[in-house]
Amino acid sequence: MKLVVAVIPGAVSLGAVVLGEHLRPEEYLGMAAVICAVALVTSSQMKSGRPAAGIEAAPVEHEA
């Protein structure tokens, strides 16, 4: 996944250079947001899907 962080902005920048386009500040901000989001997702460590030991769910009563 870390390769994706380097590839996405690189591809956008290379495309802008090859096609002679100028990137707007919003596009640079978007690239930075993508890099931060991917970094957060890949660095997070998910715990098991089991509920915590001390927490129990109360039954739900349906109203008719």
PDB file of N, CA and C in Angstrom:
ATOM      1  N   MET A   1       0.804  -1.193   0.000  1.00  0.00           N
ATOM      2  CA  MET A   1       0.000   0.000   0.000  1.00  0.00           C
ATOM      3  C   MET A   1       0.849   1.259   0.000  1.00  0.00           C
ATOM      4  N   LYS A   2       2.032   1.181   0.544  1.00  0.00           N
ATOM      5  CA  LYS A   2       2.872   2.373   0.586  1.00  0.00           C
ATOM      6  C   LYS A   2       3.278   2.803  -0.817  1.00  0.00           C
ATOM      7  N   LEU A   3       3.315   1.863  -1.745  1.00  0.00           N
ATOM      8  CA  LEU A   3       3.632   2.197  -3.130  1.00  0.00           C
ATOM      9  C   LEU A   3       2.550   3.087  -3.717  1.00  0.00           C
ATOM     10  N   VAL A   4       1.305   2.861  -3.320  1.00  0.00           N
ATOM     11  CA  VAL A   4       0.194   3.670  -3.822  1.00  0.00           C
ATOM     12  C   VAL A   4       0.366   5.128  -3.428  1.00  0.00           C
ATOM     13  N   VAL A   5       0.871   5.370  -2.237  1.00  0.00           N
ATOM     14  CA  VAL A   5       1.076   6.739  -1.768  1.00  0.00           C
ATOM     15  C   VAL A   5       2.039   7.481  -2.689  1.00  0.00           C
ATOM     16  N   ALA A   6       3.041   6.790  -3.200  1.00  0.00           N
ATOM     17  CA  ALA A   6       4.018   7.421  -4.083  1.00  0.00           C
ATOM     18  C   ALA A   6       3.527   7.478  -5.522  1.00  0.00           C
ATOM     19  N   VAL A   7       2.712   6.525  -5.935  1.00  0.00           N
ATOM     20  CA  VAL A   7       2.304   6.431  -7.331  1.00  0.00           C
ATOM     21  C   VAL A   7       1.235   7.456  -7.691  1.00  0.00           C
ATOM     22  N   ILE A   8       0.256   7.666  -6.828  1.00  0.00           N
ATOM     23  CA  ILE A   8      -0.866   8.555  -7.163  1.00  0.00           C
ATOM     24  C   ILE A   8      -0.398   9.978  -7.453  1.00  0.00           C
ATOM     25  N   PRO A   9       0.316  10.644  -6.541  1.00  0.00           N
ATOM     26  CA  PRO A   9       0.764  12.005  -6.866  1.00  0.00           C
ATOM     27  C   PRO A   9       1.767  12.026  -8.010  1.00  0.00           C
ATOM     28  N   GLY A  10       2.590  10.985  -8.104  1.00  0.00           N
ATOM     29  CA  GLY A  10       3.552  10.917  -9.198  1.00  0.00           C
ATOM     30  C   GLY A  10       2.869  10.825 -10.542  1.00  0.00           C
ATOM     31  N   ALA A  11       1.809  10.031 -10.625  1.00  0.00           N
ATOM     32  CA  ALA A  11       1.066   9.882 -11.877  1.00  0.00           C
ATOM     33  C   ALA A  11       0.370  11.183 -12.262  1.00  0.00           C
ATOM     34  N   VAL A  12      -0.200  11.854 -11.291  1.00  0.00           N
ATOM     35  CA  VAL A  12      -0.877  13.124 -11.566  1.00  0.00           C
ATOM     36  C   VAL A  12       0.130  14.170 -12.027  1.00  0.00           C
ATOM     37  N   SER A  13       1.255  14.253 -11.331  1.00  0.00           N
ATOM     38  CA  SER A  13       2.285  15.227 -11.701  1.00  0.00           C
ATOM     39  C   SER A  13       2.876  14.921 -13.073  1.00  0.00           C
ATOM     40  N   LEU A  14       3.151  13.646 -13.336  1.00  0.00           N
ATOM     41  CA  LEU A  14       3.705  13.256 -14.634  1.00  0.00           C
ATOM     42  C   LEU A  14       2.712  13.555 -15.753  1.00  0.00           C
ATOM     43  N   GLY A  15       1.441  13.270 -15.503  1.00  0.00           N
ATOM     44  CA  GLY A  15       0.421  13.584 -16.503  1.00  0.00           C
ATOM     45  C   GLY A  15       0.335  15.068 -16.776  1.00  0.00           C
ATOM     46  N   ALA A  16       0.466  15.882 -15.745  1.00  0.00           N
ATOM     47  CA  ALA A  16       0.421  17.330 -15.938  1.00  0.00           C
ATOM     48  C   ALA A  16       1.625  17.819 -16.734  1.00  0.00           C
ATOM     49  N   VAL A  17       2.798  17.236 -16.479  1.00  0.00           N
ATOM     50  CA  VAL A  17       4.007  17.640 -17.202  1.00  0.00           C
ATOM     51  C   VAL A  17       3.929  17.202 -18.665  1.00  0.00           C
ATOM     52  N   VAL A  18       3.522  15.946 -18.882  1.00  0.00           N
ATOM     53  CA  VAL A  18       3.475  15.414 -20.255  1.00  0.00           C
ATOM     54  C   VAL A  18       2.440  16.153 -21.089  1.00  0.00           C
ATOM     55  N   LEU A  19       1.282  16.447 -20.503  1.00  0.00           N
ATOM     56  CA  LEU A  19       0.217  17.113 -21.257  1.00  0.00           C
ATOM     57  C   LEU A  19       0.329  18.633 -21.225  1.00  0.00           C
ATOM     58  N   GLY A  20       1.305  19.142 -20.492  1.00  0.00           N
ATOM     59  CA  GLY A  20       1.518  20.585 -20.435  1.00  0.00           C
ATOM     60  C   GLY A  20       0.447  21.323 -19.640  1.00  0.00           C
ATOM     61  N   GLU A  21      -0.171  20.651 -18.692  1.00  0.00           N
ATOM     62  CA  GLU A  21      -1.210  21.291 -17.889  1.00  0.00           C
ATOM     63  C   GLU A  21      -0.610  21.922 -16.647  1.00  0.00           C
ATOM     64  N   HIS A  22      -1.321  22.879 -16.104  1.00  0.00           N
ATOM     65  CA  HIS A  22      -0.898  23.535 -14.863  1.00  0.00           C
ATOM     66  C   HIS A  22      -1.865  23.125 -13.766  1.00  0.00           C
ATOM     67  N   LEU A  23      -1.322  22.618 -12.677  1.00  0.00           N
ATOM     68  CA  LEU A  23      -2.164  22.208 -11.566  1.00  0.00           C
ATOM     69  C   LEU A  23      -2.519  23.409 -10.702  1.00  0.00           C
ATOM     70  N   ARG A  24      -3.770  23.431 -10.255  1.00  0.00           N
ATOM     71  CA  ARG A  24      -4.235  24.502  -9.385  1.00  0.00           C
ATOM     72  C   ARG A  24      -3.917  24.143  -7.945  1.00  0.00           C
ATOM     73  N   PRO A  25      -3.883  25.129  -7.059  1.00  0.00           N
ATOM     74  CA  PRO A  25      -3.593  24.858  -5.645  1.00  0.00           C
ATOM     75  C   PRO A  25      -4.547  23.833  -5.022  1.00  0.00           C
ATOM     76  N   GLU A  26      -5.807  23.832  -5.469  1.00  0.00           N
ATOM     77  CA  GLU A  26      -6.770  22.859  -4.944  1.00  0.00           C
ATOM     78  C   GLU A  26      -6.360  21.436  -5.286  1.00  0.00           C
ATOM     79  N   GLU A  27      -5.754  21.245  -6.444  1.00  0.00           N
ATOM     80  CA  GLU A  27      -5.319  19.909  -6.850  1.00  0.00           C
ATOM     81  C   GLU A  27      -4.123  19.441  -6.020  1.00  0.00           C
ATOM     82  N   TYR A  28      -3.234  20.358  -5.685  1.00  0.00           N
ATOM     83  CA  TYR A  28      -2.130  20.003  -4.794  1.00  0.00           C
ATOM     84  C   TYR A  28      -2.668  19.648  -3.407  1.00  0.00           C
ATOM     85  N   LEU A  29      -3.662  20.407  -2.942  1.00  0.00           N
ATOM     86  CA  LEU A  29      -4.289  20.122  -1.656  1.00  0.00           C
ATOM     87  C   LEU A  29      -4.979  18.758  -1.690  1.00  0.00           C
ATOM     88  N   GLY A  30      -5.620  18.435  -2.801  1.00  0.00           N
ATOM     89  CA  GLY A  30      -6.256  17.132  -2.954  1.00  0.00           C
ATOM     90  C   GLY A  30      -5.245  15.996  -2.919  1.00  0.00           C
ATOM     91  N   MET A  31      -4.097  16.191  -3.578  1.00  0.00           N
ATOM     92  CA  MET A  31      -3.046  15.159  -3.540  1.00  0.00           C
ATOM     93  C   MET A  31      -2.541  14.964  -2.123  1.00  0.00           C
ATOM     94  N   ALA A  32      -2.379  16.056  -1.390  1.00  0.00           N
ATOM     95  CA  ALA A  32      -1.922  15.948  -0.008  1.00  0.00           C
ATOM     96  C   ALA A  32      -2.965  15.231   0.849  1.00  0.00           C
ATOM     97  N   ALA A  33      -4.241  15.496   0.595  1.00  0.00           N
ATOM     98  CA  ALA A  33      -5.302  14.826   1.347  1.00  0.00           C
ATOM     99  C   ALA A  33      -5.307  13.330   1.069  1.00  0.00           C
ATOM    100  N   VAL A  34      -5.095  12.941  -0.186  1.00  0.00           N
ATOM    101  CA  VAL A  34      -5.044  11.516  -0.539  1.00  0.00           C
ATOM    102  C   VAL A  34      -3.869  10.846   0.151  1.00  0.00           C
ATOM    103  N   ILE A  35      -2.722  11.499   0.146  1.00  0.00           N
ATOM    104  CA  ILE A  35      -1.531  10.928   0.796  1.00  0.00           C
ATOM    105  C   ILE A  35      -1.783  10.745   2.291  1.00  0.00           C
ATOM    106  N   CYS A  36      -2.370  11.753   2.929  1.00  0.00           N
ATOM    107  CA  CYS A  36      -2.654  11.646   4.368  1.00  0.00           C
ATOM    108  C   CYS A  36      -3.671  10.557   4.657  1.00  0.00           C
ATOM    109  N   ALA A  37      -4.721  10.462   3.844  1.00  0.00           N
ATOM    110  CA  ALA A  37      -5.752   9.451   4.070  1.00  0.00           C
ATOM    111  C   ALA A  37      -5.195   8.045   3.908  1.00  0.00           C
ATOM    112  N   VAL A  38      -4.407   7.822   2.866  1.00  0.00           N
ATOM    113  CA  VAL A  38      -3.821   6.495   2.651  1.00  0.00           C
ATOM    114  C   VAL A  38      -2.849   6.165   3.773  1.00  0.00           C
ATOM    115  N   ALA A  39      -2.085   7.137   4.216  1.00  0.00           N
ATOM    116  CA  ALA A  39      -1.146   6.907   5.316  1.00  0.00           C
ATOM    117  C   ALA A  39      -1.883   6.550   6.600  1.00  0.00           C
ATOM    118  N   LEU A  40      -2.993   7.233   6.878  1.00  0.00           N
ATOM    119  CA  LEU A  40      -3.771   6.930   8.079  1.00  0.00           C
ATOM    120  C   LEU A  40      -4.368   5.534   8.021  1.00  0.00           C
ATOM    121  N   VAL A  41      -4.903   5.161   6.874  1.00  0.00           N
ATOM    122  CA  VAL A  41      -5.532   3.847   6.740  1.00  0.00           C
ATOM    123  C   VAL A  41      -4.497   2.741   6.847  1.00  0.00           C
ATOM    124  N   THR A  42      -3.372   2.907   6.200  1.00  0.00           N
ATOM    125  CA  THR A  42      -2.363   1.844   6.223  1.00  0.00           C
ATOM    126  C   THR A  42      -1.652   1.761   7.568  1.00  0.00           C
ATOM    127  N   SER A  43      -1.597   2.858   8.309  1.00  0.00           N
ATOM    128  CA  SER A  43      -0.897   2.819   9.584  1.00  0.00           C
ATOM    129  C   SER A  43      -1.799   2.389  10.737  1.00  0.00           C
ATOM    130  N   SER A  44      -3.114   2.425  10.537  1.00  0.00           N
ATOM    131  CA  SER A  44      -4.013   2.027  11.619  1.00  0.00           C
ATOM    132  C   SER A  44      -3.958   0.523  11.809  1.00  0.00           C
ATOM    133  N   GLN A  45      -4.145   0.107  13.040  1.00  0.00           N
ATOM    134  CA  GLN A  45      -4.136  -1.313  13.339  1.00  0.00           C
ATOM    135  C   GLN A  45      -5.503  -1.669  13.885  1.00  0.00           C
ATOM    136  N   MET A  46      -6.221  -2.482  13.127  1.00  0.00           N
ATOM    137  CA  MET A  46      -7.560  -2.874  13.524  1.00  0.00           C
ATOM    138  C   MET A  46      -7.499  -3.976  14.571  1.00  0.00           C
ATOM    139  N   LYS A  47      -8.283  -3.812  15.624  1.00  0.00           N
ATOM    140  CA  LYS A  47      -8.355  -4.835  16.652  1.00  0.00           C
ATOM    141  C   LYS A  47      -9.395  -5.864  16.236  1.00  0.00           C
ATOM    142  N   SER A  48      -9.490  -6.937  16.970  1.00  0.00           N
ATOM    143  CA  SER A  48     -10.439  -7.985  16.627  1.00  0.00           C
ATOM    144  C   SER A  48     -11.855  -7.443  16.636  1.00  0.00           C
ATOM    145  N   GLY A  49     -12.726  -8.049  15.882  1.00  0.00           N
ATOM    146  CA  GLY A  49     -14.100  -7.592  15.771  1.00  0.00           C
ATOM    147  C   GLY A  49     -14.968  -8.001  16.941  1.00  0.00           C
ATOM    148  N   ARG A  50     -14.397  -8.638  17.952  1.00  0.00           N
ATOM    149  CA  ARG A  50     -15.171  -9.059  19.115  1.00  0.00           C
ATOM    150  C   ARG A  50     -15.453  -7.863  20.019  1.00  0.00           C
ATOM    151  N   PRO A  51     -16.644  -7.853  20.662  1.00  0.00           N
ATOM    152  CA  PRO A  51     -16.940  -6.755  21.588  1.00  0.00           C
ATOM    153  C   PRO A  51     -16.072  -6.836  22.829  1.00  0.00           C
ATOM    154  N   ALA A  52     -15.943  -5.728  23.496  1.00  0.00           N
ATOM    155  CA  ALA A  52     -15.148  -5.684  24.718  1.00  0.00           C
ATOM    156  C   ALA A  52     -15.783  -6.578  25.781  1.00  0.00           C
ATOM    157  N   ALA A  53     -14.985  -7.105  26.689  1.00  0.00           N
ATOM    158  CA  ALA A  53     -15.454  -8.087  27.663  1.00  0.00           C
ATOM    159  C   ALA A  53     -16.527  -7.526  28.586  1.00  0.00           C
ATOM    160  N   GLY A  54     -16.434  -6.286  29.006  1.00  0.00           N
ATOM    161  CA  GLY A  54     -17.362  -5.734  29.981  1.00  0.00           C
ATOM    162  C   GLY A  54     -18.614  -5.131  29.383  1.00  0.00           C
ATOM    163  N   ILE A  55     -18.744  -5.106  28.089  1.00  0.00           N
ATOM    164  CA  ILE A  55     -19.874  -4.440  27.447  1.00  0.00           C
ATOM    165  C   ILE A  55     -20.830  -5.494  26.903  1.00  0.00           C
ATOM    166  N   GLU A  56     -22.102  -5.403  27.305  1.00  0.00           N
ATOM    167  CA  GLU A  56     -23.110  -6.306  26.777  1.00  0.00           C
ATOM    168  C   GLU A  56     -24.228  -5.477  26.180  1.00  0.00           C
ATOM    169  N   ALA A  57     -24.788  -5.965  25.113  1.00  0.00           N
ATOM    170  CA  ALA A  57     -25.869  -5.255  24.440  1.00  0.00           C
ATOM    171  C   ALA A  57     -27.194  -5.602  25.105  1.00  0.00           C
ATOM    172  N   ALA A  58     -28.012  -4.599  25.342  1.00  0.00           N
ATOM    173  CA  ALA A  58     -29.331  -4.820  25.913  1.00  0.00           C
ATOM    174  C   ALA A  58     -30.311  -5.150  24.802  1.00  0.00           C
ATOM    175  N   PRO A  59     -31.281  -6.022  25.049  1.00  0.00           N
ATOM    176  CA  PRO A  59     -32.254  -6.348  24.007  1.00  0.00           C
ATOM    177  C   PRO A  59     -33.109  -5.121  23.652  1.00  0.00           C
ATOM    178  N   VAL A  60     -33.480  -5.035  22.409  1.00  0.00           N
ATOM    179  CA  VAL A  60     -34.270  -3.905  21.916  1.00  0.00           C
ATOM    180  C   VAL A  60     -35.726  -4.334  21.845  1.00  0.00           C
ATOM    181  N   GLU A  61     -36.601  -3.507  22.412  1.00  0.00           N
ATOM    182  CA  GLU A  61     -38.018  -3.800  22.349  1.00  0.00           C
ATOM    183  C   GLU A  61     -38.615  -2.983  21.210  1.00  0.00           C
ATOM    184  N   HIS A  62     -39.403  -3.668  20.372  1.00  0.00           N
ATOM    185  CA  HIS A  62     -40.005  -3.014  19.231  1.00  0.00           C
ATOM    186  C   HIS A  62     -41.364  -2.455  19.613  1.00  0.00           C
ATOM    187  N   GLU A  63     -41.655  -1.241  19.195  1.00  0.00           N
ATOM    188  CA  GLU A  63     -42.967  -0.639  19.417  1.00  0.00           C
ATOM    189  C   GLU A  63     -43.825  -0.852  18.192  1.00  0.00           C
ATOM    190  N   ALA A  64     -45.067  -1.214  18.404  1.00  0.00           N
ATOM    191  CA  ALA A  64     -45.959  -1.472  17.279  1.00  0.00           C
ATOM    192  C   ALA A  64     -46.894  -0.326  17.042  1.00  0.00           C
TER     193      ALA A  64
END
